[in-house]
Protein backbone atom coordinates (compact mmCIF):
# COMPACT_ATOMS: atom_id res chain seq x y z
CA MET A 1 98.35 9.58 68.87
CA LYS A 2 95.99 11.16 66.27
CA PRO A 3 92.53 12.55 66.66
CA LEU A 4 89.82 9.70 65.63
CA GLN A 5 92.26 6.81 65.09
CA PRO A 6 91.02 3.58 66.58
CA VAL A 7 92.58 1.67 68.98
CA ALA A 8 93.70 -1.61 68.76
CA PRO A 9 91.58 -3.93 70.78
CA GLY A 10 94.60 -5.22 72.93
CA THR A 11 95.78 -1.70 73.25
CA ARG A 12 92.11 -0.39 74.58
CA VAL A 13 92.09 -3.30 77.28
CA VAL A 14 95.62 -2.81 78.39
CA LEU A 15 94.84 1.06 78.66
CA GLY A 16 91.44 0.26 80.75
CA VAL A 17 93.12 -1.76 83.16
CA ALA A 18 95.92 0.48 83.69
CA PHE A 19 93.27 3.19 84.75
CA PHE A 20 91.78 1.01 87.40
CA VAL A 21 95.36 -0.08 88.61
CA LEU A 22 96.31 3.44 89.10
CA PHE A 23 92.98 4.27 90.69
CA VAL A 24 93.19 1.21 93.38
CA ALA A 25 96.26 2.33 93.88
CA GLY A 26 95.90 5.62 94.51
CA TRP A 27 93.08 4.64 97.17
CA SER A 28 95.27 2.41 99.00
CA ALA A 29 97.89 5.12 99.20
CA VAL A 30 95.27 7.74 100.65
CA THR A 31 94.02 5.25 102.87
CA PHE A 32 96.72 2.70 104.48
CA SER A 33 98.71 6.06 104.85
CA GLY A 34 96.30 7.46 106.97
CA TRP A 35 95.60 10.52 105.36
CA VAL A 36 92.09 10.03 104.90
CA SER A 37 90.41 8.40 108.48
CA LYS A 38 88.90 4.64 107.84
CA THR A 39 85.60 5.99 109.17
CA PHE A 40 85.23 8.37 106.12
CA LEU A 41 86.61 6.36 103.64
CA ALA A 42 87.80 2.57 103.97
CA ASP A 43 91.08 1.28 102.51
CA PRO A 44 90.36 -1.77 99.54
CA TRP A 45 91.53 -4.49 102.11
CA THR A 46 88.75 -4.38 104.19
CA MET A 47 86.09 -2.93 101.81
CA VAL A 48 86.95 -7.01 100.44
CA LEU A 49 86.61 -8.08 103.33
CA SER A 50 83.29 -6.81 104.18
CA GLY A 51 81.94 -7.57 100.71
CA TYR A 52 83.02 -10.95 101.69
CA ASP A 53 80.72 -10.73 104.69
CA LEU A 54 78.26 -9.14 103.07
CA LEU A 55 78.03 -12.21 100.84
CA VAL A 56 78.42 -14.96 102.73
CA ASN A 57 76.77 -14.37 105.69
CA GLN A 58 74.91 -11.70 105.16
CA GLY A 59 72.47 -12.86 102.39
CA PHE A 60 73.78 -9.94 99.86
CA SER A 61 73.62 -11.63 96.59
CA LYS A 62 69.74 -12.11 97.18
CA ASP A 63 69.78 -7.96 97.28
CA ILE A 64 71.74 -7.86 94.37
CA GLY A 65 69.27 -10.46 92.39
CA MET A 66 66.20 -8.07 93.61
CA THR A 67 67.84 -5.10 92.03
CA VAL A 68 69.07 -6.61 89.23
CA TRP A 69 65.18 -7.56 88.69
CA ARG A 70 64.02 -3.95 89.23
CA VAL A 71 66.34 -2.50 86.77
CA LEU A 72 65.49 -4.91 83.82
CA GLY A 73 62.12 -5.29 84.77
CA GLY A 74 61.40 -1.42 84.86
CA PHE A 75 63.53 -0.51 81.63
CA ALA A 76 61.97 -3.85 79.68
CA ILE A 77 58.87 -2.42 79.99
CA ALA A 78 60.07 1.08 79.19
CA ALA A 79 61.58 -0.32 76.09
CA THR A 80 58.40 -2.08 75.13
CA LEU A 81 56.38 1.35 74.94
CA ALA A 82 58.85 3.79 74.40
CA VAL A 83 60.68 2.43 71.20
CA PRO A 84 57.57 1.89 68.77
CA LEU A 85 56.23 5.55 69.76
CA GLY A 86 59.98 6.79 68.77
CA VAL A 87 59.67 5.12 65.82
CA LEU A 88 56.36 6.47 65.02
CA MET A 89 57.54 10.47 65.87
CA GLY A 90 60.60 10.09 64.23
CA ALA A 91 58.83 8.53 60.96
CA TYR A 92 55.38 10.94 60.71
CA LYS A 93 55.92 14.74 61.88
CA PRO A 94 51.96 14.66 62.57
CA VAL A 95 52.81 12.38 65.36
CA GLU A 96 56.10 14.19 66.36
CA ALA A 97 54.21 17.38 66.80
CA PHE A 98 51.56 15.87 68.87
CA PHE A 99 53.61 14.10 71.11
CA GLU A 100 57.16 15.66 71.07
CA PRO A 101 56.12 18.82 73.24
CA PHE A 102 55.22 16.70 76.55
CA VAL A 103 57.96 14.30 76.12
CA SER A 104 60.44 16.51 75.95
CA PHE A 105 58.83 18.31 78.75
CA ALA A 106 58.99 15.33 80.76
CA ARG A 107 62.11 13.91 80.09
CA TYR A 108 63.36 16.97 82.22
CA LEU A 109 61.29 15.92 85.11
CA PRO A 110 63.76 13.98 87.91
CA ALA A 111 62.46 10.42 88.09
CA SER A 112 63.21 11.00 92.15
CA ALA A 113 60.96 13.60 92.47
CA PHE A 114 57.89 11.41 92.09
CA ILE A 115 58.81 8.98 94.59
CA PRO A 116 56.18 10.01 97.66
CA LEU A 117 53.95 10.57 94.36
CA LEU A 118 54.50 6.72 94.05
CA ILE A 119 54.56 5.45 97.17
CA LEU A 120 51.04 7.20 97.73
CA TRP A 121 49.64 5.39 94.73
CA ALA A 122 51.58 1.77 94.33
CA GLY A 123 52.39 1.69 98.31
CA ILE A 124 56.32 0.56 98.79
CA GLY A 125 55.87 -2.53 97.04
CA GLU A 126 57.82 -3.31 93.35
CA ALA A 127 55.15 -1.65 91.68
CA GLN A 128 56.74 1.59 92.84
CA LYS A 129 60.41 0.97 91.98
CA LEU A 130 59.14 -0.12 88.42
CA SER A 131 57.66 3.23 87.89
CA VAL A 132 60.53 4.63 89.11
CA ILE A 133 62.55 3.15 86.70
CA PHE A 134 59.66 3.46 83.70
CA ILE A 135 59.79 7.15 84.19
CA GLY A 136 63.47 7.46 84.16
CA SER A 137 63.45 5.65 80.90
CA PHE A 138 61.08 6.18 79.14
CA PHE A 139 60.81 9.41 77.86
CA GLN A 140 64.75 9.73 77.05
CA ILE A 141 64.28 6.86 74.73
CA VAL A 142 61.29 7.58 72.88
CA LEU A 143 62.92 11.00 71.99
CA MET A 144 66.41 9.54 71.23
CA ILE A 145 64.64 6.67 69.00
CA ALA A 146 62.49 9.84 67.51
CA VAL A 147 65.77 11.92 66.55
CA SER A 148 67.64 8.57 65.22
CA VAL A 149 65.00 7.55 63.08
CA GLY A 150 64.28 11.40 61.73
CA ASN A 151 67.75 11.42 60.75
CA THR A 152 67.77 8.80 58.20
CA ARG A 153 69.21 9.90 55.05
CA ARG A 154 66.49 11.75 52.97
CA ASP A 155 68.59 9.81 49.44
CA LEU A 156 67.65 6.43 50.90
CA VAL A 157 63.69 7.15 51.27
CA GLU A 158 63.66 8.84 47.66
CA ALA A 159 65.11 6.03 46.42
CA ALA A 160 62.62 3.62 47.95
CA TYR A 161 59.63 5.57 46.90
CA THR A 162 61.07 5.51 43.27
CA LEU A 163 61.45 1.67 43.47
CA GLY A 164 57.83 1.66 44.26
CA ALA A 165 58.07 0.99 48.05
CA ALA A 166 54.19 1.77 49.95
CA ASP A 167 54.86 3.85 53.29
CA ARG A 168 54.40 1.00 55.19
CA GLY A 169 57.62 -0.22 53.42
CA ILE A 170 59.59 3.19 54.21
CA VAL A 171 59.03 2.76 57.63
CA VAL A 172 60.00 -1.42 57.77
CA ARG A 173 62.55 -1.67 55.09
CA VAL A 174 64.65 1.68 55.14
CA LEU A 175 63.96 3.76 58.39
CA LEU A 176 63.96 0.77 60.55
CA PRO A 177 67.33 -0.84 59.30
CA SER A 178 69.06 2.28 58.65
CA SER A 179 68.28 3.26 62.31
CA ALA A 180 68.35 0.03 64.28
CA PRO A 181 71.71 0.46 64.94
CA GLU A 182 71.69 3.35 67.11
CA ILE A 183 68.51 2.32 68.39
CA ALA A 184 70.57 -0.03 69.75
CA GLU A 185 72.99 2.29 70.99
CA THR A 186 70.49 4.37 72.42
CA LEU A 187 68.99 1.77 74.67
CA ARG A 188 72.81 0.69 75.56
CA MET A 189 73.12 4.12 77.20
CA VAL A 190 69.54 4.44 78.86
CA LEU A 191 69.78 0.83 80.67
CA GLY A 192 73.11 2.59 82.19
CA TRP A 193 70.93 5.64 83.81
CA ALA A 194 68.32 2.97 84.48
CA TRP A 195 70.66 2.15 87.40
CA THR A 196 70.92 5.06 88.91
CA TYR A 197 66.78 5.07 88.89
CA VAL A 198 66.57 1.86 90.81
CA ILE A 199 69.19 2.97 93.21
CA VAL A 200 67.60 5.99 94.46
CA ALA A 201 63.97 3.77 94.29
CA GLU A 202 65.50 1.45 97.31
CA LEU A 203 67.09 4.45 99.33
CA ILE A 204 63.39 5.02 100.24
CA GLY A 205 60.60 2.24 101.55
CA ALA A 206 62.63 -0.42 100.47
CA SER A 207 63.29 -3.67 102.22
CA SER A 208 65.66 -5.02 100.01
CA GLY A 209 68.03 -4.15 97.61
CA ILE A 210 71.63 -2.67 96.90
CA GLY A 211 70.51 0.98 97.72
CA HIS A 212 68.77 -0.56 101.22
CA MET A 213 72.28 -2.24 102.30
CA ILE A 214 73.51 1.18 101.49
CA THR A 215 70.93 2.86 103.75
CA ASP A 216 71.88 0.38 106.33
CA SER A 217 75.46 0.94 106.27
CA GLN A 218 75.06 4.38 106.42
CA ALA A 219 73.16 4.32 109.66
CA LEU A 220 76.22 2.45 111.22
CA LEU A 221 78.93 4.53 109.52
CA ALA A 222 80.55 1.44 107.51
CA THR A 223 81.96 2.92 104.43
CA ASP A 224 83.32 -0.06 103.47
CA GLN A 225 80.01 -1.97 103.06
CA ILE A 226 79.05 1.38 101.24
CA ILE A 227 82.20 1.43 99.08
CA PHE A 228 81.45 -2.42 98.27
CA GLY A 229 77.77 -1.87 96.87
CA ILE A 230 78.95 0.90 95.07
CA ILE A 231 81.69 -1.32 93.34
CA VAL A 232 78.95 -4.09 92.86
CA ILE A 233 76.74 -1.60 90.85
CA GLY A 234 79.78 -0.45 88.68
CA LEU A 235 80.37 -4.15 88.02
CA ILE A 236 77.21 -5.54 86.92
CA GLY A 237 76.86 -2.05 85.13
CA LEU A 238 80.23 -2.95 83.17
CA ALA A 239 79.28 -6.32 82.47
CA SER A 240 75.95 -5.26 81.18
CA ASP A 241 76.97 -2.47 79.23
CA PHE A 242 79.62 -4.99 77.26
CA ALA A 243 77.23 -7.45 76.88
CA PHE A 244 75.20 -5.02 74.67
CA LYS A 245 77.91 -3.86 72.84
CA ALA A 246 78.86 -7.77 71.79
CA PHE A 247 74.93 -8.17 71.30
CA ASN A 248 75.15 -4.80 69.15
CA LYS A 249 78.11 -5.83 67.07
CA ARG A 250 76.69 -8.82 66.35
CA LEU A 251 73.72 -7.65 64.84
CA PHE A 252 75.09 -5.02 63.11
CA PRO A 253 78.63 -5.22 62.22
CA TRP A 254 78.45 -2.86 59.57
CA ALA A 255 77.90 0.22 62.02
CA GLN A 256 81.45 -1.21 63.72
CA ILE A 257 83.78 0.17 60.66
CA GLY A 258 86.05 2.73 61.79
CA ARG A 259 85.43 1.97 65.49
């Protein structure tokens, strides 16, 4: 094992699965042995049975669908507006000077702190939940993309000017292709953050969604259902992350060299 030495795909899979196996083994050991009360931490088998009951008898699949829709909807709106603004900020320094102080300020504001105001302004419907995800994602995407575009190699820009490219051509033919892999990677990371925002939004004033189920389970001290909801979030997030990685790898194969 050497620093930064790539790992073979098969070895990577084995190591990743091994961690989950060890994690479940440790979880089973502390719960089945009675070392931790089931009131505070349900064992894996009880969690699986409760998850099956939730999906088959209690309509939990609809809650999952609502949460996924909210995440994708809020994230899509944020990305649609944030990507062009981030590119403009990275490409044109006057635009960056105008927007960057406010964006830097706003990205430190916790999205959850806006929930009382958003409930007041938009009620407890879907607009409120989409707004929470938008606020939590938009400013992060803008600033990270601005940095990616602004870090484009200067020799590429100068070479393009030498070959007669106009200002618009520099953005379209140099800055965007050069930073596209990092932009895609930024969207992948922020999509993961969007999941934390939607669950917070669903914990307050929601009648559906994974967060709503977790809140109801807390009142019943049903730790098995709470854990199942958390695991479902993780599995969906992991699946979307793998899908994003595969899509990025297909679009930008040159950016994968050495990984």
